[in-house]
Amino acid sequence: MSHTDDAVPQIDTSRPSIARVYDAFVGGKDNFEVDREVYRHLLEIAPESAEVGRQCRAWLIRVVRFLAGQAEIDQFIDLGSGLPTAENTHQVAQRLNPAAQVIYIDNDPSVAAHGRALLEENDHTHLGFADFRYPEELFEHPVVADNLDLTRPVALIQCNTLHHVKDAEKPVEIMQSYIEGLAPGSYVAISHLFAPEDGSEQSKLARDAEEKFNALMGSCYFRQREEIEALFGDLELVEPGLSFLFDWWPDGPRLKPLTNGEQLLLGGVAKK
């Protein structure tokens, strides 16, 4: 079976799903007790996790606003998009440009079930059931090929996805394949869990959280700055470069002190 086969397997409610755990973090309703149990365990390590989850969504909203607005991108591929929540990529992009085409890609059956129902009435938004670890197949997926013009610029979004890819699965090579397949003028946006590795409280929290997450679900890796930068290949990062999410063009001044958890995520946007 192809990795981009559009047949969706049944939802397994006996095992946690990364997409549904994220849904619990942002206060969504499309999760089960097995997912909430993982969420509660992670809150024990980092009580600010829920706020960090909301901050990730706020970063994505600001990124899409920039891409659809100033950058004038009208084609988006949101990889590992997760369950629909408040202010999704297509809503932000299409508020600025109603004709913007948005493709969501995920391989979680829960996402496929909820996402397709949500998008039925939106002619410019589509969901493909596929594994983003296989770029060549994904670019040929009918949902992508039929709705995007890959000879024109595209915004490729990897929001909190690549830290679930093992080193052995070669995330840098995966991203290089995507970058090579994008037209000049395209943008790549990535947010990723960050391990400072400097002996700080944040460094210990990163390793504790990584260990707990892998014990509960598997495949979650906090990487160092240089490793995250490598995911962008030789693309040119737009200002302010690879930064903490709260520092990437914030909507206003910071009114609360930083938590340790907020300092364990980096994000950036780069142009081809």
C-alpha atoms as a PDB file:
ATOM      1  CA  MET A   1       0.000   0.000   0.000  1.00  0.00           C
ATOM      2  CA  SER A   2       1.237   3.485  -0.812  1.00  0.00           C
ATOM      3  CA  HIS A   3       2.109   5.759   2.082  1.00  0.00           C
ATOM      4  CA  THR A   4      -0.369   8.209   0.581  1.00  0.00           C
ATOM      5  CA  ASP A   5      -3.222   5.745   0.246  1.00  0.00           C
ATOM      6  CA  ASP A   6      -6.459   7.620   0.863  1.00  0.00           C
ATOM      7  CA  ALA A   7      -8.174   4.697   2.613  1.00  0.00           C
ATOM      8  CA  VAL A   8      -8.483   5.719   6.256  1.00  0.00           C
ATOM      9  CA  PRO A   9      -8.068   3.063   8.963  1.00  0.00           C
ATOM     10  CA  GLN A  10     -10.407   2.899  11.915  1.00  0.00           C
ATOM     11  CA  ILE A  11      -9.894   5.180  14.912  1.00  0.00           C
ATOM     12  CA  ASP A  12      -8.260   3.278  17.794  1.00  0.00           C
ATOM     13  CA  THR A  13      -9.601   4.722  21.053  1.00  0.00           C
ATOM     14  CA  SER A  14      -7.536   2.336  23.201  1.00  0.00           C
ATOM     15  CA  ARG A  15      -4.226   4.007  22.352  1.00  0.00           C
ATOM     16  CA  PRO A  16      -3.271   7.692  22.619  1.00  0.00           C
ATOM     17  CA  SER A  17      -2.979   9.706  19.417  1.00  0.00           C
ATOM     18  CA  ILE A  18      -0.490  12.562  19.060  1.00  0.00           C
ATOM     19  CA  ALA A  19      -3.127  14.647  17.266  1.00  0.00           C
ATOM     20  CA  ARG A  20      -5.703  14.047  20.011  1.00  0.00           C
ATOM     21  CA  VAL A  21      -3.185  14.783  22.797  1.00  0.00           C
ATOM     22  CA  TYR A  22      -2.403  18.122  21.111  1.00  0.00           C
ATOM     23  CA  ASP A  23      -6.156  18.685  20.895  1.00  0.00           C
ATOM     24  CA  ALA A  24      -6.363  18.244  24.683  1.00  0.00           C
ATOM     25  CA  PHE A  25      -3.535  20.766  25.111  1.00  0.00           C
ATOM     26  CA  VAL A  26      -5.427  23.475  23.235  1.00  0.00           C
ATOM     27  CA  GLY A  27      -8.698  22.751  25.013  1.00  0.00           C
ATOM     28  CA  GLY A  28     -10.342  20.838  22.168  1.00  0.00           C
ATOM     29  CA  LYS A  29     -13.125  18.281  22.510  1.00  0.00           C
ATOM     30  CA  ASP A  30     -11.973  15.668  19.977  1.00  0.00           C
ATOM     31  CA  ASN A  31      -9.969  13.515  22.404  1.00  0.00           C
ATOM     32  CA  PHE A  32     -10.525  10.464  24.574  1.00  0.00           C
ATOM     33  CA  GLU A  33      -9.628   9.510  28.136  1.00  0.00           C
ATOM     34  CA  VAL A  34      -6.492   7.705  26.941  1.00  0.00           C
ATOM     35  CA  ASP A  35      -5.299  10.981  25.368  1.00  0.00           C
ATOM     36  CA  ARG A  36      -6.222  13.049  28.420  1.00  0.00           C
ATOM     37  CA  GLU A  37      -4.216  10.669  30.584  1.00  0.00           C
ATOM     38  CA  VAL A  38      -1.082  11.487  28.570  1.00  0.00           C
ATOM     39  CA  TYR A  39      -1.958  15.174  28.803  1.00  0.00           C
ATOM     40  CA  ARG A  40      -2.239  14.959  32.605  1.00  0.00           C
ATOM     41  CA  HIS A  41       1.113  13.159  32.892  1.00  0.00           C
ATOM     42  CA  LEU A  42       2.800  15.884  30.846  1.00  0.00           C
ATOM     43  CA  LEU A  43       1.170  18.584  32.966  1.00  0.00           C
ATOM     44  CA  GLU A  44       2.788  17.001  36.024  1.00  0.00           C
ATOM     45  CA  ILE A  45       6.222  17.653  34.499  1.00  0.00           C
ATOM     46  CA  ALA A  46       5.444  21.050  32.980  1.00  0.00           C
ATOM     47  CA  PRO A  47       2.284  22.684  34.379  1.00  0.00           C
ATOM     48  CA  GLU A  48       2.586  25.449  31.761  1.00  0.00           C
ATOM     49  CA  SER A  49       2.178  22.963  28.889  1.00  0.00           C
ATOM     50  CA  ALA A  50      -1.381  24.044  28.136  1.00  0.00           C
ATOM     51  CA  GLU A  51      -0.294  27.673  27.785  1.00  0.00           C
ATOM     52  CA  VAL A  52       2.608  26.575  25.571  1.00  0.00           C
ATOM     53  CA  GLY A  53       0.127  24.700  23.366  1.00  0.00           C
ATOM     54  CA  ARG A  54      -1.914  27.861  22.932  1.00  0.00           C
ATOM     55  CA  GLN A  55       1.251  29.801  22.160  1.00  0.00           C
ATOM     56  CA  CYS A  56       2.071  27.348  19.358  1.00  0.00           C
ATOM     57  CA  ARG A  57      -1.319  28.026  17.804  1.00  0.00           C
ATOM     58  CA  ALA A  58      -0.808  31.787  18.169  1.00  0.00           C
ATOM     59  CA  TRP A  59       2.579  31.488  16.411  1.00  0.00           C
ATOM     60  CA  LEU A  60       0.979  29.566  13.540  1.00  0.00           C
ATOM     61  CA  ILE A  61      -1.708  32.229  13.162  1.00  0.00           C
ATOM     62  CA  ARG A  62       0.896  35.013  12.968  1.00  0.00           C
ATOM     63  CA  VAL A  63       2.962  33.014  10.458  1.00  0.00           C
ATOM     64  CA  VAL A  64       0.000  32.350   8.160  1.00  0.00           C
ATOM     65  CA  ARG A  65      -1.069  35.974   8.425  1.00  0.00           C
ATOM     66  CA  PHE A  66       2.402  37.038   7.258  1.00  0.00           C
ATOM     67  CA  LEU A  67       2.499  34.472   4.448  1.00  0.00           C
ATOM     68  CA  ALA A  68      -0.989  35.243   3.079  1.00  0.00           C
ATOM     69  CA  GLY A  69      -0.552  38.979   3.616  1.00  0.00           C
ATOM     70  CA  GLN A  70       2.882  40.522   3.126  1.00  0.00           C
ATOM     71  CA  ALA A  71       4.366  37.500   1.344  1.00  0.00           C
ATOM     72  CA  GLU A  72       1.279  37.207  -0.932  1.00  0.00           C
ATOM     73  CA  ILE A  73       1.285  33.400  -0.859  1.00  0.00           C
ATOM     74  CA  ASP A  74      -2.010  31.881  -2.000  1.00  0.00           C
ATOM     75  CA  GLN A  75      -1.119  28.153  -1.767  1.00  0.00           C
ATOM     76  CA  PHE A  76      -0.504  26.332   1.513  1.00  0.00           C
ATOM     77  CA  ILE A  77       0.425  22.781   2.525  1.00  0.00           C
ATOM     78  CA  ASP A  78      -0.013  22.225   6.273  1.00  0.00           C
ATOM     79  CA  LEU A  79       1.731  18.954   7.141  1.00  0.00           C
ATOM     80  CA  GLY A  80       0.715  16.900  10.157  1.00  0.00           C
ATOM     81  CA  SER A  81      -1.989  19.488  10.630  1.00  0.00           C
ATOM     82  CA  GLY A  82      -3.748  17.788  13.540  1.00  0.00           C
ATOM     83  CA  LEU A  83      -7.365  18.128  14.563  1.00  0.00           C
ATOM     84  CA  PRO A  84      -9.330  21.242  13.583  1.00  0.00           C
ATOM     85  CA  THR A  85      -9.451  23.841  16.352  1.00  0.00           C
ATOM     86  CA  ALA A  86     -10.099  27.568  16.641  1.00  0.00           C
ATOM     87  CA  GLU A  87      -8.361  29.581  13.917  1.00  0.00           C
ATOM     88  CA  ASN A  88      -7.015  26.975  11.514  1.00  0.00           C
ATOM     89  CA  THR A  89      -4.612  27.718   8.667  1.00  0.00           C
ATOM     90  CA  HIS A  90      -7.349  27.987   6.034  1.00  0.00           C
ATOM     91  CA  GLN A  91      -9.413  30.399   8.129  1.00  0.00           C
ATOM     92  CA  VAL A  92      -6.469  32.744   8.692  1.00  0.00           C
ATOM     93  CA  ALA A  93      -5.277  32.591   5.068  1.00  0.00           C
ATOM     94  CA  GLN A  94      -8.714  32.914   3.497  1.00  0.00           C
ATOM     95  CA  ARG A  95      -9.642  35.859   5.680  1.00  0.00           C
ATOM     96  CA  LEU A  96      -6.867  37.750   3.877  1.00  0.00           C
ATOM     97  CA  ASN A  97      -7.343  36.029   0.518  1.00  0.00           C
ATOM     98  CA  PRO A  98     -10.632  34.134   0.029  1.00  0.00           C
ATOM     99  CA  ALA A  99      -9.151  32.363  -3.002  1.00  0.00           C
ATOM    100  CA  ALA A 100      -6.171  30.895  -1.087  1.00  0.00           C
ATOM    101  CA  GLN A 101      -5.863  27.136  -1.559  1.00  0.00           C
ATOM    102  CA  VAL A 102      -5.039  25.210   1.623  1.00  0.00           C
ATOM    103  CA  ILE A 103      -4.129  21.524   1.744  1.00  0.00           C
ATOM    104  CA  TYR A 104      -4.006  19.719   5.066  1.00  0.00           C
ATOM    105  CA  ILE A 105      -2.039  16.472   5.299  1.00  0.00           C
ATOM    106  CA  ASP A 106      -2.238  14.022   8.196  1.00  0.00           C
ATOM    107  CA  ASN A 107      -2.040  10.270   8.752  1.00  0.00           C
ATOM    108  CA  ASP A 108      -4.122  10.146  11.935  1.00  0.00           C
ATOM    109  CA  PRO A 109      -7.567   8.563  11.384  1.00  0.00           C
ATOM    110  CA  SER A 110      -9.118  10.957  13.927  1.00  0.00           C
ATOM    111  CA  VAL A 111      -7.941  13.928  11.862  1.00  0.00           C
ATOM    112  CA  ALA A 112      -9.296  12.407   8.664  1.00  0.00           C
ATOM    113  CA  ALA A 113     -12.703  11.765  10.205  1.00  0.00           C
ATOM    114  CA  HIS A 114     -13.168  15.189  11.787  1.00  0.00           C
ATOM    115  CA  GLY A 115     -11.322  17.206   9.151  1.00  0.00           C
ATOM    116  CA  ARG A 116     -13.236  15.959   6.146  1.00  0.00           C
ATOM    117  CA  ALA A 117     -16.563  16.729   7.781  1.00  0.00           C
ATOM    118  CA  LEU A 118     -15.383  20.249   8.629  1.00  0.00           C
ATOM    119  CA  LEU A 119     -14.096  21.016   5.141  1.00  0.00           C
ATOM    120  CA  GLU A 120     -16.956  19.645   3.062  1.00  0.00           C
ATOM    121  CA  GLU A 121     -18.356  23.086   2.317  1.00  0.00           C
ATOM    122  CA  ASN A 122     -15.041  24.833   1.590  1.00  0.00           C
ATOM    123  CA  ASP A 123     -14.038  24.577  -2.087  1.00  0.00           C
ATOM    124  CA  HIS A 124     -10.554  25.972  -1.469  1.00  0.00           C
ATOM    125  CA  THR A 125      -9.570  23.682   1.414  1.00  0.00           C
ATOM    126  CA  HIS A 126      -8.809  19.964   1.183  1.00  0.00           C
ATOM    127  CA  LEU A 127      -7.526  17.172   3.408  1.00  0.00           C
ATOM    128  CA  GLY A 128      -5.195  14.403   2.248  1.00  0.00           C
ATOM    129  CA  PHE A 129      -4.576  11.261   4.282  1.00  0.00           C
ATOM    130  CA  ALA A 130      -0.823  10.676   3.933  1.00  0.00           C
ATOM    131  CA  ASP A 131       2.478  10.353   5.794  1.00  0.00           C
ATOM    132  CA  PHE A 132       4.599  13.489   5.450  1.00  0.00           C
ATOM    133  CA  ARG A 133       7.807  11.469   5.864  1.00  0.00           C
ATOM    134  CA  TYR A 134       7.556  10.580   2.153  1.00  0.00           C
ATOM    135  CA  PRO A 135       7.822  13.903   0.258  1.00  0.00           C
ATOM    136  CA  GLU A 136       8.050  12.491  -3.267  1.00  0.00           C
ATOM    137  CA  GLU A 137       4.814  10.550  -2.811  1.00  0.00           C
ATOM    138  CA  LEU A 138       3.116  13.451  -1.098  1.00  0.00           C
ATOM    139  CA  PHE A 139       3.767  15.876  -3.960  1.00  0.00           C
ATOM    140  CA  GLU A 140       2.070  13.347  -6.260  1.00  0.00           C
ATOM    141  CA  HIS A 141      -0.906  12.799  -3.944  1.00  0.00           C
ATOM    142  CA  PRO A 142      -4.125  13.597  -5.866  1.00  0.00           C
ATOM    143  CA  VAL A 143      -5.268  16.110  -3.239  1.00  0.00           C
ATOM    144  CA  VAL A 144      -2.012  18.053  -3.731  1.00  0.00           C
ATOM    145  CA  ALA A 145      -1.606  17.566  -7.480  1.00  0.00           C
ATOM    146  CA  ASP A 146      -5.239  18.400  -8.304  1.00  0.00           C
ATOM    147  CA  ASN A 147      -5.506  21.551  -6.198  1.00  0.00           C
ATOM    148  CA  LEU A 148      -2.096  23.227  -6.201  1.00  0.00           C
ATOM    149  CA  ASP A 149       0.124  24.563  -8.963  1.00  0.00           C
ATOM    150  CA  LEU A 150       3.562  23.436  -7.807  1.00  0.00           C
ATOM    151  CA  THR A 151       5.246  25.572 -10.467  1.00  0.00           C
ATOM    152  CA  ARG A 152       4.174  28.575  -8.369  1.00  0.00           C
ATOM    153  CA  PRO A 153       5.202  29.525  -4.809  1.00  0.00           C
ATOM    154  CA  VAL A 154       3.763  27.481  -1.959  1.00  0.00           C
ATOM    155  CA  ALA A 155       3.958  27.864   1.826  1.00  0.00           C
ATOM    156  CA  LEU A 156       4.931  24.546   3.443  1.00  0.00           C
ATOM    157  CA  ILE A 157       4.128  24.389   7.160  1.00  0.00           C
ATOM    158  CA  GLN A 158       5.618  21.940   9.687  1.00  0.00           C
ATOM    159  CA  CYS A 159       4.125  23.141  12.985  1.00  0.00           C
ATOM    160  CA  ASN A 160       5.179  20.858  15.863  1.00  0.00           C
ATOM    161  CA  THR A 161       5.586  17.871  13.562  1.00  0.00           C
ATOM    162  CA  LEU A 162       9.269  17.208  12.915  1.00  0.00           C
ATOM    163  CA  HIS A 163      10.088  16.578  16.569  1.00  0.00           C
ATOM    164  CA  HIS A 164       8.054  13.382  16.181  1.00  0.00           C
ATOM    165  CA  VAL A 165      10.418  12.150  13.439  1.00  0.00           C
ATOM    166  CA  LYS A 166      13.278   9.969  14.668  1.00  0.00           C
ATOM    167  CA  ASP A 167      16.881  10.757  13.708  1.00  0.00           C
ATOM    168  CA  ALA A 168      16.975   7.382  11.954  1.00  0.00           C
ATOM    169  CA  GLU A 169      14.150   8.591   9.695  1.00  0.00           C
ATOM    170  CA  LYS A 170      16.420  11.462   8.576  1.00  0.00           C
ATOM    171  CA  PRO A 171      14.304  14.586   9.131  1.00  0.00           C
ATOM    172  CA  VAL A 172      16.911  16.826   7.450  1.00  0.00           C
ATOM    173  CA  GLU A 173      16.762  14.714   4.285  1.00  0.00           C
ATOM    174  CA  ILE A 174      12.950  14.744   4.406  1.00  0.00           C
ATOM    175  CA  MET A 175      12.951  18.523   4.510  1.00  0.00           C
ATOM    176  CA  GLN A 176      15.587  18.779   1.782  1.00  0.00           C
ATOM    177  CA  SER A 177      13.305  16.773  -0.513  1.00  0.00           C
ATOM    178  CA  TYR A 178      10.451  19.146   0.210  1.00  0.00           C
ATOM    179  CA  ILE A 179      12.621  22.200  -0.361  1.00  0.00           C
ATOM    180  CA  GLU A 180      13.871  20.841  -3.694  1.00  0.00           C
ATOM    181  CA  GLY A 181      10.271  20.241  -4.802  1.00  0.00           C
ATOM    182  CA  LEU A 182       9.092  23.768  -4.045  1.00  0.00           C
ATOM    183  CA  ALA A 183       9.066  26.541  -6.649  1.00  0.00           C
ATOM    184  CA  PRO A 184      11.306  29.594  -6.175  1.00  0.00           C
ATOM    185  CA  GLY A 185       9.590  32.168  -3.984  1.00  0.00           C
ATOM    186  CA  SER A 186       8.117  29.479  -1.733  1.00  0.00           C
ATOM    187  CA  TYR A 187       8.308  29.609   2.060  1.00  0.00           C
ATOM    188  CA  VAL A 188       8.920  26.961   4.729  1.00  0.00           C
ATOM    189  CA  ALA A 189       7.658  27.436   8.308  1.00  0.00           C
ATOM    190  CA  ILE A 190       8.858  25.129  11.099  1.00  0.00           C
ATOM    191  CA  SER A 191       8.294  25.031  14.857  1.00  0.00           C
ATOM    192  CA  HIS A 192      10.172  22.428  16.878  1.00  0.00           C
ATOM    193  CA  LEU A 193      10.839  21.394  20.495  1.00  0.00           C
ATOM    194  CA  PHE A 194      14.181  22.779  21.662  1.00  0.00           C
ATOM    195  CA  ALA A 195      16.777  21.322  24.049  1.00  0.00           C
ATOM    196  CA  PRO A 196      19.195  24.031  25.272  1.00  0.00           C
ATOM    197  CA  GLU A 197      21.797  21.469  26.528  1.00  0.00           C
ATOM    198  CA  ASP A 198      23.382  24.108  28.758  1.00  0.00           C
ATOM    199  CA  GLY A 199      22.798  22.632  32.193  1.00  0.00           C
ATOM    200  CA  SER A 200      19.904  25.022  32.865  1.00  0.00           C
ATOM    201  CA  GLU A 201      16.480  24.266  34.345  1.00  0.00           C
ATOM    202  CA  GLN A 202      15.117  24.374  30.812  1.00  0.00           C
ATOM    203  CA  SER A 203      17.638  21.762  29.705  1.00  0.00           C
ATOM    204  CA  LYS A 204      16.585  19.369  32.480  1.00  0.00           C
ATOM    205  CA  LEU A 205      12.901  19.984  31.749  1.00  0.00           C
ATOM    206  CA  ALA A 206      13.445  19.199  28.057  1.00  0.00           C
ATOM    207  CA  ARG A 207      15.046  15.839  28.835  1.00  0.00           C
ATOM    208  CA  ASP A 208      12.463  14.952  31.491  1.00  0.00           C
ATOM    209  CA  ALA A 209       9.614  15.802  29.135  1.00  0.00           C
ATOM    210  CA  GLU A 210      11.211  13.875  26.269  1.00  0.00           C
ATOM    211  CA  GLU A 211      11.638  10.794  28.457  1.00  0.00           C
ATOM    212  CA  LYS A 212       8.064  10.972  29.746  1.00  0.00           C
ATOM    213  CA  PHE A 213       6.538  11.530  26.303  1.00  0.00           C
ATOM    214  CA  ASN A 214       8.492   8.660  24.760  1.00  0.00           C
ATOM    215  CA  ALA A 215       7.458   6.362  27.602  1.00  0.00           C
ATOM    216  CA  LEU A 216       3.809   7.250  27.068  1.00  0.00           C
ATOM    217  CA  MET A 217       3.604   7.512  23.278  1.00  0.00           C
ATOM    218  CA  GLY A 218       6.996   7.234  21.607  1.00  0.00           C
ATOM    219  CA  SER A 219       8.713   9.472  19.077  1.00  0.00           C
ATOM    220  CA  CYS A 220       9.197  12.929  20.573  1.00  0.00           C
ATOM    221  CA  TYR A 221      12.627  14.545  20.360  1.00  0.00           C
ATOM    222  CA  PHE A 222      13.880  17.848  21.711  1.00  0.00           C
ATOM    223  CA  ARG A 223      16.685  18.981  19.394  1.00  0.00           C
ATOM    224  CA  GLN A 224      19.447  21.555  19.683  1.00  0.00           C
ATOM    225  CA  ARG A 225      19.369  24.851  17.797  1.00  0.00           C
ATOM    226  CA  GLU A 226      21.849  23.743  15.109  1.00  0.00           C
ATOM    227  CA  GLU A 227      19.812  20.600  14.433  1.00  0.00           C
ATOM    228  CA  ILE A 228      16.625  22.637  13.996  1.00  0.00           C
ATOM    229  CA  GLU A 229      18.395  25.187  11.769  1.00  0.00           C
ATOM    230  CA  ALA A 230      19.570  22.308   9.553  1.00  0.00           C
ATOM    231  CA  LEU A 231      15.927  21.487   8.748  1.00  0.00           C
ATOM    232  CA  PHE A 232      15.732  24.717   6.710  1.00  0.00           C
ATOM    233  CA  GLY A 233      18.653  23.644   4.500  1.00  0.00           C
ATOM    234  CA  ASP A 234      20.200  26.641   2.737  1.00  0.00           C
ATOM    235  CA  LEU A 235      16.994  28.695   2.711  1.00  0.00           C
ATOM    236  CA  GLU A 236      17.143  32.302   3.876  1.00  0.00           C
ATOM    237  CA  LEU A 237      15.374  32.827   7.206  1.00  0.00           C
ATOM    238  CA  VAL A 238      13.191  35.918   7.412  1.00  0.00           C
ATOM    239  CA  GLU A 239      13.597  38.195  10.423  1.00  0.00           C
ATOM    240  CA  PRO A 240      13.851  37.497  13.325  1.00  0.00           C
ATOM    241  CA  GLY A 241      15.338  34.155  12.218  1.00  0.00           C
ATOM    242  CA  LEU A 242      14.967  30.991  14.296  1.00  0.00           C
ATOM    243  CA  SER A 243      13.562  32.349  17.541  1.00  0.00           C
ATOM    244  CA  PHE A 244      11.431  31.508  20.543  1.00  0.00           C
ATOM    245  CA  LEU A 245       7.823  31.439  19.376  1.00  0.00           C
ATOM    246  CA  PHE A 246       6.871  34.378  21.577  1.00  0.00           C
ATOM    247  CA  ASP A 247       9.614  36.471  19.922  1.00  0.00           C
ATOM    248  CA  TRP A 248       8.415  35.823  16.348  1.00  0.00           C
ATOM    249  CA  TRP A 249       6.567  39.082  15.547  1.00  0.00           C
ATOM    250  CA  PRO A 250       4.410  39.121  18.699  1.00  0.00           C
ATOM    251  CA  ASP A 251       1.053  40.892  18.663  1.00  0.00           C
ATOM    252  CA  GLY A 252       1.971  43.064  21.624  1.00  0.00           C
ATOM    253  CA  PRO A 253       4.208  43.460  24.669  1.00  0.00           C
ATOM    254  CA  ARG A 254       4.827  40.586  27.059  1.00  0.00           C
ATOM    255  CA  LEU A 255       2.898  41.084  30.297  1.00  0.00           C
ATOM    256  CA  LYS A 256       3.758  37.829  32.091  1.00  0.00           C
ATOM    257  CA  PRO A 257       7.158  36.405  33.079  1.00  0.00           C
ATOM    258  CA  LEU A 258       8.491  33.619  30.876  1.00  0.00           C
ATOM    259  CA  THR A 259       7.978  30.029  31.972  1.00  0.00           C
ATOM    260  CA  ASN A 260      10.567  27.319  31.419  1.00  0.00           C
ATOM    261  CA  GLY A 261       8.276  25.535  28.989  1.00  0.00           C
ATOM    262  CA  GLU A 262       7.919  28.585  26.764  1.00  0.00           C
ATOM    263  CA  GLN A 263      11.688  28.503  26.252  1.00  0.00           C
ATOM    264  CA  LEU A 264      11.628  24.960  24.847  1.00  0.00           C
ATOM    265  CA  LEU A 265      10.198  25.767  21.424  1.00  0.00           C
ATOM    266  CA  LEU A 266      11.825  27.468  18.460  1.00  0.00           C
ATOM    267  CA  GLY A 267      10.197  28.573  15.235  1.00  0.00           C
ATOM    268  CA  GLY A 268      11.162  30.201  11.988  1.00  0.00           C
ATOM    269  CA  VAL A 269      10.091  30.995   8.454  1.00  0.00           C
ATOM    270  CA  ALA A 270      12.457  30.815   5.473  1.00  0.00           C
ATOM    271  CA  LYS A 271      12.178  31.728   1.798  1.00  0.00           C
ATOM    272  CA  LYS A 272      13.436  29.808  -1.218  1.00  0.00           C
END
